[in-house]
Amino acid sequence: MPARPAPTTGAAALLVAALALTGCAATGTAGESDAPTPGSAASTPDPTPDATESPASSDAGATPTDDDAAPAEGAYLDYADGAIEATAGPKALFFHASWCPKCRSLDEDLKAQGAPDGLTVFKVDYDSRTDLRQQYGVTIQTTIVFVDDAGEKISSVVLYEDPSVESLVAAMP
């Protein structure tokens, strides 16, 4: 009766936890043609491994007094209610529409390059989240709203003319 190695069990537990956190975020993007069905974890393939690796790597051998010059990795995740309050550090809401070519361009760039270091970018469905559009005064897709830990608007920018990670970095407060 061979026993399973502990690292596999720990990695599986981290993966399950990450999937539970990101799975409900896919419900806002169910209308997108490239989005998987609601609740599936495939909607954020790149951030999920980063999210499970970052805490493990920071806990492994690191102490609170370590002088790490490297900034924290950014994350690109689907928006879910409560995500802003549950996420530490700088945050931005990306109002995305699946039918918008500029949105798709920025989405692809974020998936390819990743979110800027230290920034969590939440992809918000422009069509279904009219409540958030109204709350933050968003009138056009490709709008980025930077928010604080309580979800209060810090600043916003429309990246329609240059939908790129570089423009996102330049607009950061």
Protein backbone atom coordinates (compact mmCIF):
# COMPACT_ATOMS: atom_id res chain seq x y z
CA MET A 1 0.00 0.00 0.00
CA PRO A 2 2.07 2.93 -1.23
CA ALA A 3 1.34 6.27 0.41
CA ARG A 4 0.91 9.45 -1.58
CA PRO A 5 3.64 12.03 -1.08
CA ALA A 6 2.65 15.02 1.03
CA PRO A 7 3.70 17.70 -1.53
CA THR A 8 1.15 16.39 -4.04
CA THR A 9 -1.61 16.56 -1.43
CA GLY A 10 -0.60 20.09 -0.44
CA ALA A 11 -0.46 21.24 -4.05
CA ALA A 12 -3.85 19.68 -4.73
CA ALA A 13 -5.32 21.48 -1.70
CA LEU A 14 -3.93 24.82 -2.93
CA LEU A 15 -5.32 24.16 -6.40
CA VAL A 16 -8.76 23.31 -5.01
CA ALA A 17 -8.73 26.49 -2.90
CA ALA A 18 -7.71 28.62 -5.90
CA LEU A 19 -10.38 27.03 -8.06
CA ALA A 20 -13.02 27.68 -5.40
CA LEU A 21 -12.04 31.35 -5.25
CA THR A 22 -11.92 31.88 -9.02
CA GLY A 23 -14.69 29.51 -10.08
CA CYS A 24 -17.55 31.77 -9.05
CA ALA A 25 -15.93 34.68 -10.87
CA ALA A 26 -16.66 33.07 -14.22
CA THR A 27 -20.41 33.67 -13.84
CA GLY A 28 -20.08 37.30 -14.98
CA THR A 29 -18.46 36.25 -18.28
CA ALA A 30 -20.75 33.41 -19.32
CA GLY A 31 -21.95 35.36 -22.35
CA GLU A 32 -18.48 35.57 -23.85
CA SER A 33 -17.78 33.31 -26.77
CA ASP A 34 -14.34 32.33 -25.50
CA ALA A 35 -15.42 31.93 -21.85
CA PRO A 36 -16.04 28.49 -20.36
CA THR A 37 -19.24 27.60 -18.58
CA PRO A 38 -19.91 29.32 -15.24
CA GLY A 39 -18.03 27.83 -12.34
CA SER A 40 -15.26 26.27 -14.41
CA ALA A 41 -11.68 27.14 -13.56
CA ALA A 42 -10.50 27.49 -17.15
CA SER A 43 -11.57 31.14 -17.30
CA THR A 44 -8.30 32.30 -15.69
CA PRO A 45 -5.58 29.84 -16.69
CA ASP A 46 -2.61 32.12 -16.14
CA PRO A 47 -3.40 33.74 -12.75
CA THR A 48 -4.44 30.51 -11.01
CA PRO A 49 -0.93 28.96 -10.97
CA ASP A 50 0.58 32.31 -9.96
CA ALA A 51 -1.94 32.69 -7.15
CA THR A 52 -1.12 29.26 -5.74
CA GLU A 53 2.63 29.64 -6.17
CA SER A 54 3.08 33.15 -4.74
CA PRO A 55 1.98 32.47 -1.15
CA ALA A 56 3.90 29.19 -1.03
CA SER A 57 7.08 30.79 -2.35
CA SER A 58 6.81 33.72 0.07
CA ASP A 59 6.30 31.41 3.05
CA ALA A 60 9.11 29.03 2.08
CA GLY A 61 12.20 30.29 3.88
CA ALA A 62 11.19 33.95 3.88
CA THR A 63 10.90 35.96 7.04
CA PRO A 64 9.02 39.21 7.55
CA THR A 65 12.34 41.06 7.84
CA ASP A 66 13.73 39.80 4.53
CA ASP A 67 14.62 42.64 2.14
CA ASP A 68 12.99 41.56 -1.13
CA ALA A 69 13.61 44.09 -3.89
CA ALA A 70 11.32 42.30 -6.36
CA PRO A 71 7.73 43.58 -6.40
CA ALA A 72 4.84 41.19 -5.92
CA GLU A 73 3.48 39.59 -9.07
CA GLY A 74 0.31 41.01 -10.50
CA ALA A 75 -2.85 38.98 -11.04
CA TYR A 76 -5.55 39.05 -13.72
CA LEU A 77 -8.80 37.55 -12.47
CA ASP A 78 -12.49 37.51 -13.28
CA TYR A 79 -14.49 39.80 -10.99
CA ALA A 80 -16.69 38.32 -8.28
CA ASP A 81 -18.70 40.13 -5.61
CA GLY A 82 -16.52 40.62 -2.53
CA ALA A 83 -13.27 40.25 -4.48
CA ILE A 84 -12.15 43.84 -3.94
CA GLU A 85 -12.45 43.67 -0.17
CA ALA A 86 -10.82 40.21 -0.08
CA THR A 87 -7.78 41.24 -2.11
CA ALA A 88 -4.85 43.10 -0.61
CA GLY A 89 -2.81 45.67 -2.48
CA PRO A 90 -3.53 47.85 -5.51
CA LYS A 91 -6.60 46.87 -7.54
CA ALA A 92 -8.19 47.85 -10.84
CA LEU A 93 -11.47 46.96 -12.51
CA PHE A 94 -11.26 46.37 -16.27
CA PHE A 95 -14.71 46.83 -17.84
CA HIS A 96 -14.61 44.30 -20.68
CA ALA A 97 -17.16 43.43 -23.37
CA SER A 98 -16.71 40.25 -25.40
CA TRP A 99 -17.97 42.01 -28.54
CA CYS A 100 -15.43 44.86 -28.23
CA PRO A 101 -12.24 44.36 -30.31
CA LYS A 102 -10.31 46.84 -28.11
CA CYS A 103 -11.35 44.92 -24.99
CA ARG A 104 -10.27 41.64 -26.55
CA SER A 105 -6.92 43.22 -27.42
CA LEU A 106 -6.28 44.37 -23.84
CA ASP A 107 -7.55 41.02 -22.51
CA GLU A 108 -5.08 39.14 -24.74
CA ASP A 109 -2.24 41.47 -23.73
CA LEU A 110 -3.00 40.96 -20.02
CA LYS A 111 -3.10 37.19 -20.51
CA ALA A 112 0.17 37.19 -22.48
CA GLN A 113 2.16 39.65 -20.32
CA GLY A 114 0.33 39.28 -17.03
CA ALA A 115 -0.92 42.11 -14.89
CA PRO A 116 1.58 44.78 -13.84
CA ASP A 117 3.65 43.85 -10.80
CA GLY A 118 1.73 44.31 -7.57
CA LEU A 119 -1.60 45.11 -9.29
CA THR A 120 -4.64 42.86 -9.28
CA VAL A 121 -6.80 43.49 -12.34
CA PHE A 122 -10.39 42.27 -12.15
CA LYS A 123 -12.14 41.66 -15.47
CA VAL A 124 -15.71 42.98 -15.12
CA ASP A 125 -18.36 42.07 -17.68
CA TYR A 126 -19.43 45.41 -19.15
CA ASP A 127 -22.83 44.14 -20.32
CA SER A 128 -24.04 42.28 -17.24
CA ARG A 129 -22.57 44.43 -14.43
CA THR A 130 -24.57 47.61 -15.00
CA ASP A 131 -24.59 48.09 -11.22
CA LEU A 132 -20.81 48.49 -11.19
CA ARG A 133 -20.86 50.67 -14.32
CA GLN A 134 -23.29 53.00 -12.57
CA GLN A 135 -21.37 52.92 -9.27
CA TYR A 136 -18.09 53.92 -10.94
CA GLY A 137 -19.51 56.15 -13.70
CA VAL A 138 -18.34 53.88 -16.53
CA THR A 139 -19.86 54.75 -19.90
CA ILE A 140 -17.54 52.95 -22.31
CA GLN A 141 -15.87 49.56 -22.42
CA THR A 142 -12.06 49.39 -21.92
CA THR A 143 -12.48 51.65 -18.89
CA ILE A 144 -10.07 50.89 -16.05
CA VAL A 145 -11.13 51.98 -12.55
CA PHE A 146 -8.49 51.94 -9.83
CA VAL A 147 -10.02 51.28 -6.40
CA ASP A 148 -8.88 51.20 -2.80
CA ASP A 149 -9.37 48.32 -0.34
CA ALA A 150 -12.96 49.44 0.38
CA GLY A 151 -13.83 49.61 -3.32
CA GLU A 152 -13.83 53.41 -3.44
CA LYS A 153 -12.75 54.90 -6.77
CA ILE A 154 -9.25 56.38 -6.78
CA SER A 155 -9.07 57.22 -10.50
CA SER A 156 -10.14 55.92 -13.88
CA VAL A 157 -8.93 55.89 -17.47
CA VAL A 158 -10.28 54.72 -20.81
CA LEU A 159 -7.74 52.64 -22.73
CA TYR A 160 -9.79 52.45 -25.94
CA GLU A 161 -7.18 54.22 -28.10
CA ASP A 162 -4.23 52.17 -26.75
CA PRO A 163 -5.50 48.96 -25.11
CA SER A 164 -2.18 47.68 -23.76
CA VAL A 165 -0.51 46.72 -20.51
CA GLU A 166 1.93 49.59 -21.07
CA SER A 167 -0.98 52.08 -21.12
CA LEU A 168 -2.38 50.46 -18.00
CA VAL A 169 0.95 50.89 -16.21
CA ALA A 170 1.19 54.52 -17.35
CA ALA A 171 -2.30 55.22 -15.95
CA MET A 172 -1.67 53.71 -12.51
CA PRO A 173 -2.11 56.22 -9.66
